[in-house]
Amino acid sequence: MEILKDKIVTTRKLHNCWGCRCEIPIGSKVRYVTNVDAGNILSTYLCDICQELISEMDYWETEDGFTYGEIIDNMKEEWIEAKKSLMIGG
């Protein structure tokens, strides 16, 4: 997998987070990533909660990317705790 773009953007329309499938409202600051893998180009958006969880992972855990919804499917308890933490300001 090769990352072509990785930046923070403000959404102009509704999107769903690639990591948890939750709806991302218009005007949200999110991580936008475009990559190419096996000749396919994919652009994804990541919410604050999924960004937080990914930032805590080792590189070897993230180098192959994630399937749609994989973060919440495999890390639901950690996702809920990260959401609580972000809601109360860390």
PDB file of N, CA and C in Angstrom:
ATOM      1  N   MET A   1       0.842  -1.168   0.000  1.00  0.00           N
ATOM      2  CA  MET A   1       0.000   0.000   0.000  1.00  0.00           C
ATOM      3  C   MET A   1       0.893   1.239   0.000  1.00  0.00           C
ATOM      4  N   GLU A   2       0.562   2.179  -0.863  1.00  0.00           N
ATOM      5  CA  GLU A   2       1.304   3.434  -0.945  1.00  0.00           C
ATOM      6  C   GLU A   2       0.338   4.588  -0.666  1.00  0.00           C
ATOM      7  N   ILE A   3       0.684   5.432   0.295  1.00  0.00           N
ATOM      8  CA  ILE A   3      -0.150   6.577   0.634  1.00  0.00           C
ATOM      9  C   ILE A   3       0.187   7.734  -0.302  1.00  0.00           C
ATOM     10  N   LEU A   4      -0.838   8.255  -0.967  1.00  0.00           N
ATOM     11  CA  LEU A   4      -0.676   9.377  -1.892  1.00  0.00           C
ATOM     12  C   LEU A   4      -0.965  10.713  -1.215  1.00  0.00           C
ATOM     13  N   LYS A   5      -1.977  10.756  -0.342  1.00  0.00           N
ATOM     14  CA  LYS A   5      -2.343  11.956   0.409  1.00  0.00           C
ATOM     15  C   LYS A   5      -2.681  11.556   1.831  1.00  0.00           C
ATOM     16  N   ASP A   6      -2.324  12.403   2.769  1.00  0.00           N
ATOM     17  CA  ASP A   6      -2.668  12.194   4.175  1.00  0.00           C
ATOM     18  C   ASP A   6      -2.701  13.574   4.807  1.00  0.00           C
ATOM     19  N   LYS A   7      -3.907  14.109   4.994  1.00  0.00           N
ATOM     20  CA  LYS A   7      -4.012  15.476   5.510  1.00  0.00           C
ATOM     21  C   LYS A   7      -5.300  15.650   6.300  1.00  0.00           C
ATOM     22  N   ILE A   8      -5.358  16.732   7.066  1.00  0.00           N
ATOM     23  CA  ILE A   8      -6.550  17.109   7.808  1.00  0.00           C
ATOM     24  C   ILE A   8      -7.363  18.062   6.931  1.00  0.00           C
ATOM     25  N   VAL A   9      -8.656  17.749   6.777  1.00  0.00           N
ATOM     26  CA  VAL A   9      -9.543  18.574   5.954  1.00  0.00           C
ATOM     27  C   VAL A   9     -10.816  18.878   6.742  1.00  0.00           C
ATOM     28  N   THR A  10     -11.569  19.864   6.262  1.00  0.00           N
ATOM     29  CA  THR A  10     -12.891  20.160   6.790  1.00  0.00           C
ATOM     30  C   THR A  10     -13.905  19.648   5.779  1.00  0.00           C
ATOM     31  N   THR A  11     -14.820  18.801   6.236  1.00  0.00           N
ATOM     32  CA  THR A  11     -15.780  18.188   5.316  1.00  0.00           C
ATOM     33  C   THR A  11     -16.772  19.218   4.779  1.00  0.00           C
ATOM     34  N   ARG A  12     -17.113  19.072   3.506  1.00  0.00           N
ATOM     35  CA  ARG A  12     -18.114  19.940   2.870  1.00  0.00           C
ATOM     36  C   ARG A  12     -19.411  19.199   2.603  1.00  0.00           C
ATOM     37  N   LYS A  13     -19.405  17.889   2.846  1.00  0.00           N
ATOM     38  CA  LYS A  13     -20.621  17.082   2.734  1.00  0.00           C
ATOM     39  C   LYS A  13     -20.523  15.934   3.725  1.00  0.00           C
ATOM     40  N   LEU A  14     -21.604  15.199   3.878  1.00  0.00           N
ATOM     41  CA  LEU A  14     -21.601  14.073   4.811  1.00  0.00           C
ATOM     42  C   LEU A  14     -20.685  12.960   4.291  1.00  0.00           C
ATOM     43  N   HIS A  15     -19.975  12.345   5.215  1.00  0.00           N
ATOM     44  CA  HIS A  15     -19.130  11.189   4.910  1.00  0.00           C
ATOM     45  C   HIS A  15     -19.311  10.188   6.036  1.00  0.00           C
ATOM     46  N   ASN A  16     -18.840   8.982   5.817  1.00  0.00           N
ATOM     47  CA  ASN A  16     -18.776   7.983   6.871  1.00  0.00           C
ATOM     48  C   ASN A  16     -17.316   7.692   7.165  1.00  0.00           C
ATOM     49  N   CYS A  17     -17.013   7.535   8.441  1.00  0.00           N
ATOM     50  CA  CYS A  17     -15.648   7.209   8.858  1.00  0.00           C
ATOM     51  C   CYS A  17     -15.298   5.806   8.382  1.00  0.00           C
ATOM     52  N   TRP A  18     -14.119   5.668   7.819  1.00  0.00           N
ATOM     53  CA  TRP A  18     -13.654   4.376   7.328  1.00  0.00           C
ATOM     54  C   TRP A  18     -13.430   3.397   8.481  1.00  0.00           C
ATOM     55  N   GLY A  19     -13.024   3.891   9.633  1.00  0.00           N
ATOM     56  CA  GLY A  19     -12.691   3.011  10.745  1.00  0.00           C
ATOM     57  C   GLY A  19     -13.881   2.495  11.535  1.00  0.00           C
ATOM     58  N   CYS A  20     -14.940   3.338  11.652  1.00  0.00           N
ATOM     59  CA  CYS A  20     -16.070   2.943  12.498  1.00  0.00           C
ATOM     60  C   CYS A  20     -17.423   3.013  11.799  1.00  0.00           C
ATOM     61  N   ARG A  21     -17.452   3.483  10.574  1.00  0.00           N
ATOM     62  CA  ARG A  21     -18.676   3.593   9.772  1.00  0.00           C
ATOM     63  C   ARG A  21     -19.646   4.656  10.283  1.00  0.00           C
ATOM     64  N   CYS A  22     -19.266   5.439  11.306  1.00  0.00           N
ATOM     65  CA  CYS A  22     -20.139   6.482  11.837  1.00  0.00           C
ATOM     66  C   CYS A  22     -20.208   7.653  10.863  1.00  0.00           C
ATOM     67  N   GLU A  23     -21.360   8.319  10.842  1.00  0.00           N
ATOM     68  CA  GLU A  23     -21.536   9.471   9.971  1.00  0.00           C
ATOM     69  C   GLU A  23     -20.700  10.644  10.484  1.00  0.00           C
ATOM     70  N   ILE A  24     -20.021  11.308   9.561  1.00  0.00           N
ATOM     71  CA  ILE A  24     -19.220  12.488   9.877  1.00  0.00           C
ATOM     72  C   ILE A  24     -19.992  13.700   9.371  1.00  0.00           C
ATOM     73  N   PRO A  25     -20.384  14.601  10.274  1.00  0.00           N
ATOM     74  CA  PRO A  25     -21.181  15.764   9.864  1.00  0.00           C
ATOM     75  C   PRO A  25     -20.403  16.750   8.988  1.00  0.00           C
ATOM     76  N   ILE A  26     -21.153  17.541   8.238  1.00  0.00           N
ATOM     77  CA  ILE A  26     -20.571  18.624   7.443  1.00  0.00           C
ATOM     78  C   ILE A  26     -19.856  19.589   8.389  1.00  0.00           C
ATOM     79  N   GLY A  27     -18.697  20.067   7.971  1.00  0.00           N
ATOM     80  CA  GLY A  27     -17.928  21.027   8.761  1.00  0.00           C
ATOM     81  C   GLY A  27     -16.995  20.408   9.788  1.00  0.00           C
ATOM     82  N   SER A  28     -16.868  19.081   9.785  1.00  0.00           N
ATOM     83  CA  SER A  28     -15.982  18.390  10.731  1.00  0.00           C
ATOM     84  C   SER A  28     -14.549  18.387  10.217  1.00  0.00           C
ATOM     85  N   LYS A  29     -13.592  18.508  11.130  1.00  0.00           N
ATOM     86  CA  LYS A  29     -12.186  18.346  10.766  1.00  0.00           C
ATOM     87  C   LYS A  29     -11.865  16.860  10.903  1.00  0.00           C
ATOM     88  N   VAL A  30     -11.408  16.270   9.798  1.00  0.00           N
ATOM     89  CA  VAL A  30     -11.139  14.835   9.751  1.00  0.00           C
ATOM     90  C   VAL A  30      -9.826  14.570   9.024  1.00  0.00           C
ATOM     91  N   ARG A  31      -9.324  13.364   9.191  1.00  0.00           N
ATOM     92  CA  ARG A  31      -8.146  12.932   8.447  1.00  0.00           C
ATOM     93  C   ARG A  31      -8.609  12.325   7.134  1.00  0.00           C
ATOM     94  N   TYR A  32      -8.058  12.823   6.035  1.00  0.00           N
ATOM     95  CA  TYR A  32      -8.391  12.360   4.684  1.00  0.00           C
ATOM     96  C   TYR A  32      -7.154  11.662   4.132  1.00  0.00           C
ATOM     97  N   VAL A  33      -7.323  10.409   3.734  1.00  0.00           N
ATOM     98  CA  VAL A  33      -6.195   9.618   3.233  1.00  0.00           C
ATOM     99  C   VAL A  33      -6.564   9.021   1.881  1.00  0.00           C
ATOM    100  N   THR A  34      -5.674   9.190   0.900  1.00  0.00           N
ATOM    101  CA  THR A  34      -5.814   8.541  -0.392  1.00  0.00           C
ATOM    102  C   THR A  34      -4.623   7.610  -0.558  1.00  0.00           C
ATOM    103  N   ASN A  35      -4.899   6.358  -0.920  1.00  0.00           N
ATOM    104  CA  ASN A  35      -3.810   5.403  -1.115  1.00  0.00           C
ATOM    105  C   ASN A  35      -4.068   4.550  -2.347  1.00  0.00           C
ATOM    106  N   VAL A  36      -3.021   3.889  -2.774  1.00  0.00           N
ATOM    107  CA  VAL A  36      -3.136   2.944  -3.876  1.00  0.00           C
ATOM    108  C   VAL A  36      -2.647   1.590  -3.364  1.00  0.00           C
ATOM    109  N   ASP A  37      -3.441   0.569  -3.657  1.00  0.00           N
ATOM    110  CA  ASP A  37      -3.107  -0.778  -3.200  1.00  0.00           C
ATOM    111  C   ASP A  37      -3.542  -1.752  -4.287  1.00  0.00           C
ATOM    112  N   ALA A  38      -2.618  -2.526  -4.784  1.00  0.00           N
ATOM    113  CA  ALA A  38      -2.885  -3.506  -5.854  1.00  0.00           C
ATOM    114  C   ALA A  38      -3.531  -2.829  -7.062  1.00  0.00           C
ATOM    115  N   GLY A  39      -3.106  -1.612  -7.362  1.00  0.00           N
ATOM    116  CA  GLY A  39      -3.616  -0.893  -8.523  1.00  0.00           C
ATOM    117  C   GLY A  39      -4.927  -0.164  -8.307  1.00  0.00           C
ATOM    118  N   ASN A  40      -5.507  -0.282  -7.125  1.00  0.00           N
ATOM    119  CA  ASN A  40      -6.769   0.389  -6.814  1.00  0.00           C
ATOM    120  C   ASN A  40      -6.513   1.629  -5.964  1.00  0.00           C
ATOM    121  N   ILE A  41      -7.166   2.739  -6.321  1.00  0.00           N
ATOM    122  CA  ILE A  41      -7.047   3.977  -5.555  1.00  0.00           C
ATOM    123  C   ILE A  41      -8.260   4.091  -4.652  1.00  0.00           C
ATOM    124  N   LEU A  42      -8.028   4.410  -3.381  1.00  0.00           N
ATOM    125  CA  LEU A  42      -9.090   4.516  -2.390  1.00  0.00           C
ATOM    126  C   LEU A  42      -8.877   5.767  -1.557  1.00  0.00           C
ATOM    127  N   SER A  43      -9.934   6.556  -1.370  1.00  0.00           N
ATOM    128  CA  SER A  43      -9.895   7.721  -0.490  1.00  0.00           C
ATOM    129  C   SER A  43     -10.806   7.455   0.701  1.00  0.00           C
ATOM    130  N   THR A  44     -10.307   7.773   1.894  1.00  0.00           N
ATOM    131  CA  THR A  44     -11.059   7.507   3.112  1.00  0.00           C
ATOM    132  C   THR A  44     -11.028   8.721   4.036  1.00  0.00           C
ATOM    133  N   TYR A  45     -11.996   8.768   4.942  1.00  0.00           N
ATOM    134  CA  TYR A  45     -12.076   9.795   5.978  1.00  0.00           C
ATOM    135  C   TYR A  45     -12.064   9.084   7.323  1.00  0.00           C
ATOM    136  N   LEU A  46     -11.354   9.665   8.290  1.00  0.00           N
ATOM    137  CA  LEU A  46     -11.276   9.083   9.628  1.00  0.00           C
ATOM    138  C   LEU A  46     -11.709  10.114  10.664  1.00  0.00           C
ATOM    139  N   CYS A  47     -12.649   9.726  11.549  1.00  0.00           N
ATOM    140  CA  CYS A  47     -13.116  10.604  12.615  1.00  0.00           C
ATOM    141  C   CYS A  47     -12.033  10.756  13.688  1.00  0.00           C
ATOM    142  N   ASP A  48     -12.262  11.678  14.613  1.00  0.00           N
ATOM    143  CA  ASP A  48     -11.307  11.929  15.701  1.00  0.00           C
ATOM    144  C   ASP A  48     -11.046  10.692  16.548  1.00  0.00           C
ATOM    145  N   ILE A  49     -12.095   9.920  16.789  1.00  0.00           N
ATOM    146  CA  ILE A  49     -11.965   8.739  17.644  1.00  0.00           C
ATOM    147  C   ILE A  49     -11.057   7.708  16.989  1.00  0.00           C
ATOM    148  N   CYS A  50     -11.301   7.416  15.715  1.00  0.00           N
ATOM    149  CA  CYS A  50     -10.464   6.441  15.014  1.00  0.00           C
ATOM    150  C   CYS A  50      -9.038   6.957  14.835  1.00  0.00           C
ATOM    151  N   GLN A  51      -8.888   8.263  14.602  1.00  0.00           N
ATOM    152  CA  GLN A  51      -7.547   8.836  14.506  1.00  0.00           C
ATOM    153  C   GLN A  51      -6.778   8.629  15.805  1.00  0.00           C
ATOM    154  N   GLU A  52      -7.454   8.839  16.936  1.00  0.00           N
ATOM    155  CA  GLU A  52      -6.838   8.658  18.250  1.00  0.00           C
ATOM    156  C   GLU A  52      -6.357   7.217  18.434  1.00  0.00           C
ATOM    157  N   LEU A  53      -7.206   6.264  18.092  1.00  0.00           N
ATOM    158  CA  LEU A  53      -6.827   4.854  18.251  1.00  0.00           C
ATOM    159  C   LEU A  53      -5.672   4.476  17.325  1.00  0.00           C
ATOM    160  N   ILE A  54      -5.714   4.947  16.094  1.00  0.00           N
ATOM    161  CA  ILE A  54      -4.643   4.642  15.146  1.00  0.00           C
ATOM    162  C   ILE A  54      -3.317   5.235  15.607  1.00  0.00           C
ATOM    163  N   SER A  55      -3.363   6.433  16.186  1.00  0.00           N
ATOM    164  CA  SER A  55      -2.123   7.095  16.622  1.00  0.00           C
ATOM    165  C   SER A  55      -1.425   6.332  17.742  1.00  0.00           C
ATOM    166  N   GLU A  56      -2.176   5.511  18.455  1.00  0.00           N
ATOM    167  CA  GLU A  56      -1.601   4.736  19.556  1.00  0.00           C
ATOM    168  C   GLU A  56      -1.060   3.381  19.113  1.00  0.00           C
ATOM    169  N   MET A  57      -1.269   3.014  17.853  1.00  0.00           N
ATOM    170  CA  MET A  57      -0.822   1.714  17.351  1.00  0.00           C
ATOM    171  C   MET A  57       0.619   1.783  16.862  1.00  0.00           C
ATOM    172  N   ASP A  58       1.289   0.652  16.906  1.00  0.00           N
ATOM    173  CA  ASP A  58       2.616   0.546  16.318  1.00  0.00           C
ATOM    174  C   ASP A  58       2.498   0.590  14.806  1.00  0.00           C
ATOM    175  N   TYR A  59       3.568   1.024  14.145  1.00  0.00           N
ATOM    176  CA  TYR A  59       3.567   1.126  12.687  1.00  0.00           C
ATOM    177  C   TYR A  59       3.209  -0.204  12.031  1.00  0.00           C
ATOM    178  N   TRP A  60       3.750  -1.309  12.536  1.00  0.00           N
ATOM    179  CA  TRP A  60       3.495  -2.605  11.897  1.00  0.00           C
ATOM    180  C   TRP A  60       2.023  -2.972  11.924  1.00  0.00           C
ATOM    181  N   GLU A  61       1.257  -2.406  12.866  1.00  0.00           N
ATOM    182  CA  GLU A  61      -0.178  -2.687  12.925  1.00  0.00           C
ATOM    183  C   GLU A  61      -0.958  -1.878  11.889  1.00  0.00           C
ATOM    184  N   THR A  62      -0.384  -0.759  11.434  1.00  0.00           N
ATOM    185  CA  THR A  62      -1.118   0.138  10.540  1.00  0.00           C
ATOM    186  C   THR A  62      -0.613   0.128   9.104  1.00  0.00           C
ATOM    187  N   GLU A  63       0.530  -0.488   8.836  1.00  0.00           N
ATOM    188  CA  GLU A  63       1.131  -0.372   7.507  1.00  0.00           C
ATOM    189  C   GLU A  63       0.307  -1.002   6.388  1.00  0.00           C
ATOM    190  N   ASP A  64      -0.546  -1.964   6.690  1.00  0.00           N
ATOM    191  CA  ASP A  64      -1.373  -2.583   5.657  1.00  0.00           C
ATOM    192  C   ASP A  64      -2.759  -1.969   5.556  1.00  0.00           C
ATOM    193  N   GLY A  65      -3.063  -0.988   6.397  1.00  0.00           N
ATOM    194  CA  GLY A  65      -4.360  -0.334   6.352  1.00  0.00           C
ATOM    195  C   GLY A  65      -5.447  -1.133   7.057  1.00  0.00           C
ATOM    196  N   PHE A  66      -6.690  -0.684   6.880  1.00  0.00           N
ATOM    197  CA  PHE A  66      -7.828  -1.291   7.557  1.00  0.00           C
ATOM    198  C   PHE A  66      -8.974  -1.465   6.567  1.00  0.00           C
ATOM    199  N   THR A  67      -9.778  -2.471   6.788  1.00  0.00           N
ATOM    200  CA  THR A  67     -10.991  -2.613   5.998  1.00  0.00           C
ATOM    201  C   THR A  67     -12.073  -1.712   6.594  1.00  0.00           C
ATOM    202  N   TYR A  68     -13.127  -1.489   5.850  1.00  0.00           N
ATOM    203  CA  TYR A  68     -14.208  -0.606   6.268  1.00  0.00           C
ATOM    204  C   TYR A  68     -14.845  -1.113   7.568  1.00  0.00           C
ATOM    205  N   GLY A  69     -14.795  -0.294   8.618  1.00  0.00           N
ATOM    206  CA  GLY A  69     -15.375  -0.637   9.907  1.00  0.00           C
ATOM    207  C   GLY A  69     -14.518  -1.511  10.796  1.00  0.00           C
ATOM    208  N   GLU A  70     -13.311  -1.828  10.370  1.00  0.00           N
ATOM    209  CA  GLU A  70     -12.476  -2.766  11.114  1.00  0.00           C
ATOM    210  C   GLU A  70     -12.075  -2.255  12.492  1.00  0.00           C
ATOM    211  N   ILE A  71     -11.887  -0.964  12.640  1.00  0.00           N
ATOM    212  CA  ILE A  71     -11.461  -0.445  13.939  1.00  0.00           C
ATOM    213  C   ILE A  71     -12.532  -0.679  14.996  1.00  0.00           C
ATOM    214  N   ILE A  72     -13.768  -0.304  14.705  1.00  0.00           N
ATOM    215  CA  ILE A  72     -14.828  -0.517  15.704  1.00  0.00           C
ATOM    216  C   ILE A  72     -15.160  -1.994  15.857  1.00  0.00           C
ATOM    217  N   ASP A  73     -15.057  -2.762  14.790  1.00  0.00           N
ATOM    218  CA  ASP A  73     -15.354  -4.190  14.879  1.00  0.00           C
ATOM    219  C   ASP A  73     -14.358  -4.926  15.775  1.00  0.00           C
ATOM    220  N   ASN A  74     -13.098  -4.516  15.744  1.00  0.00           N
ATOM    221  CA  ASN A  74     -12.051  -5.213  16.496  1.00  0.00           C
ATOM    222  C   ASN A  74     -11.635  -4.514  17.784  1.00  0.00           C
ATOM    223  N   MET A  75     -12.041  -3.265  17.948  1.00  0.00           N
ATOM    224  CA  MET A  75     -11.598  -2.501  19.116  1.00  0.00           C
ATOM    225  C   MET A  75     -12.763  -1.731  19.738  1.00  0.00           C
ATOM    226  N   LYS A  76     -13.913  -2.350  19.846  1.00  0.00           N
ATOM    227  CA  LYS A  76     -15.109  -1.633  20.289  1.00  0.00           C
ATOM    228  C   LYS A  76     -14.949  -1.020  21.682  1.00  0.00           C
ATOM    229  N   GLU A  77     -14.397  -1.757  22.637  1.00  0.00           N
ATOM    230  CA  GLU A  77     -14.226  -1.221  23.990  1.00  0.00           C
ATOM    231  C   GLU A  77     -13.279  -0.025  23.989  1.00  0.00           C
ATOM    232  N   GLU A  78     -12.168  -0.136  23.264  1.00  0.00           N
ATOM    233  CA  GLU A  78     -11.215   0.970  23.175  1.00  0.00           C
ATOM    234  C   GLU A  78     -11.835   2.178  22.470  1.00  0.00           C
ATOM    235  N   TRP A  79     -12.672   1.907  21.444  1.00  0.00           N
ATOM    236  CA  TRP A  79     -13.343   2.971  20.707  1.00  0.00           C
ATOM    237  C   TRP A  79     -14.292   3.734  21.626  1.00  0.00           C
ATOM    238  N   ILE A  80     -15.068   3.009  22.438  1.00  0.00           N
ATOM    239  CA  ILE A  80     -16.004   3.647  23.375  1.00  0.00           C
ATOM    240  C   ILE A  80     -15.246   4.487  24.394  1.00  0.00           C
ATOM    241  N   GLU A  81     -14.149   3.961  24.922  1.00  0.00           N
ATOM    242  CA  GLU A  81     -13.342   4.720  25.896  1.00  0.00           C
ATOM    243  C   GLU A  81     -12.734   5.965  25.260  1.00  0.00           C
ATOM    244  N   ALA A  82     -12.245   5.847  24.029  1.00  0.00           N
ATOM    245  CA  ALA A  82     -11.670   7.010  23.339  1.00  0.00           C
ATOM    246  C   ALA A  82     -12.748   8.061  23.091  1.00  0.00           C
ATOM    247  N   LYS A  83     -13.941   7.626  22.747  1.00  0.00           N
ATOM    248  CA  LYS A  83     -15.054   8.568  22.531  1.00  0.00           C
ATOM    249  C   LYS A  83     -15.369   9.321  23.817  1.00  0.00           C
ATOM    250  N   LYS A  84     -15.444   8.594  24.946  1.00  0.00           N
ATOM    251  CA  LYS A  84     -15.704   9.239  26.240  1.00  0.00           C
ATOM    252  C   LYS A  84     -14.610  10.256  26.559  1.00  0.00           C
ATOM    253  N   SER A  85     -13.378   9.865  26.334  1.00  0.00           N
ATOM    254  CA  SER A  85     -12.236  10.739  26.622  1.00  0.00           C
ATOM    255  C   SER A  85     -12.274  12.002  25.785  1.00  0.00           C
ATOM    256  N   LEU A  86     -12.565  11.863  24.497  1.00  0.00           N
ATOM    257  CA  LEU A  86     -12.629  13.040  23.614  1.00  0.00           C
ATOM    258  C   LEU A  86     -13.809  13.936  23.955  1.00  0.00           C
ATOM    259  N   MET A  87     -14.918  13.364  24.417  1.00  0.00           N
ATOM    260  CA  MET A  87     -16.106  14.157  24.753  1.00  0.00           C
ATOM    261  C   MET A  87     -15.897  15.009  25.993  1.00  0.00           C
ATOM    262  N   ILE A  88     -15.044  14.524  26.917  1.00  0.00           N
ATOM    263  CA  ILE A  88     -14.815  15.308  28.135  1.00  0.00           C
ATOM    264  C   ILE A  88     -13.526  16.122  28.046  1.00  0.00           C
ATOM    265  N   GLY A  89     -12.951  16.148  26.876  1.00  0.00           N
ATOM    266  CA  GLY A  89     -11.784  16.993  26.664  1.00  0.00           C
ATOM    267  C   GLY A  89     -10.451  16.352  26.944  1.00  0.00           C
ATOM    268  N   GLY A  90     -10.384  15.031  26.869  1.00  0.00           N
ATOM    269  CA  GLY A  90      -9.112  14.344  27.004  1.00  0.00           C
ATOM    270  C   GLY A  90      -8.892  13.872  28.365  1.00  0.00           C
TER     271      GLY A  90
END
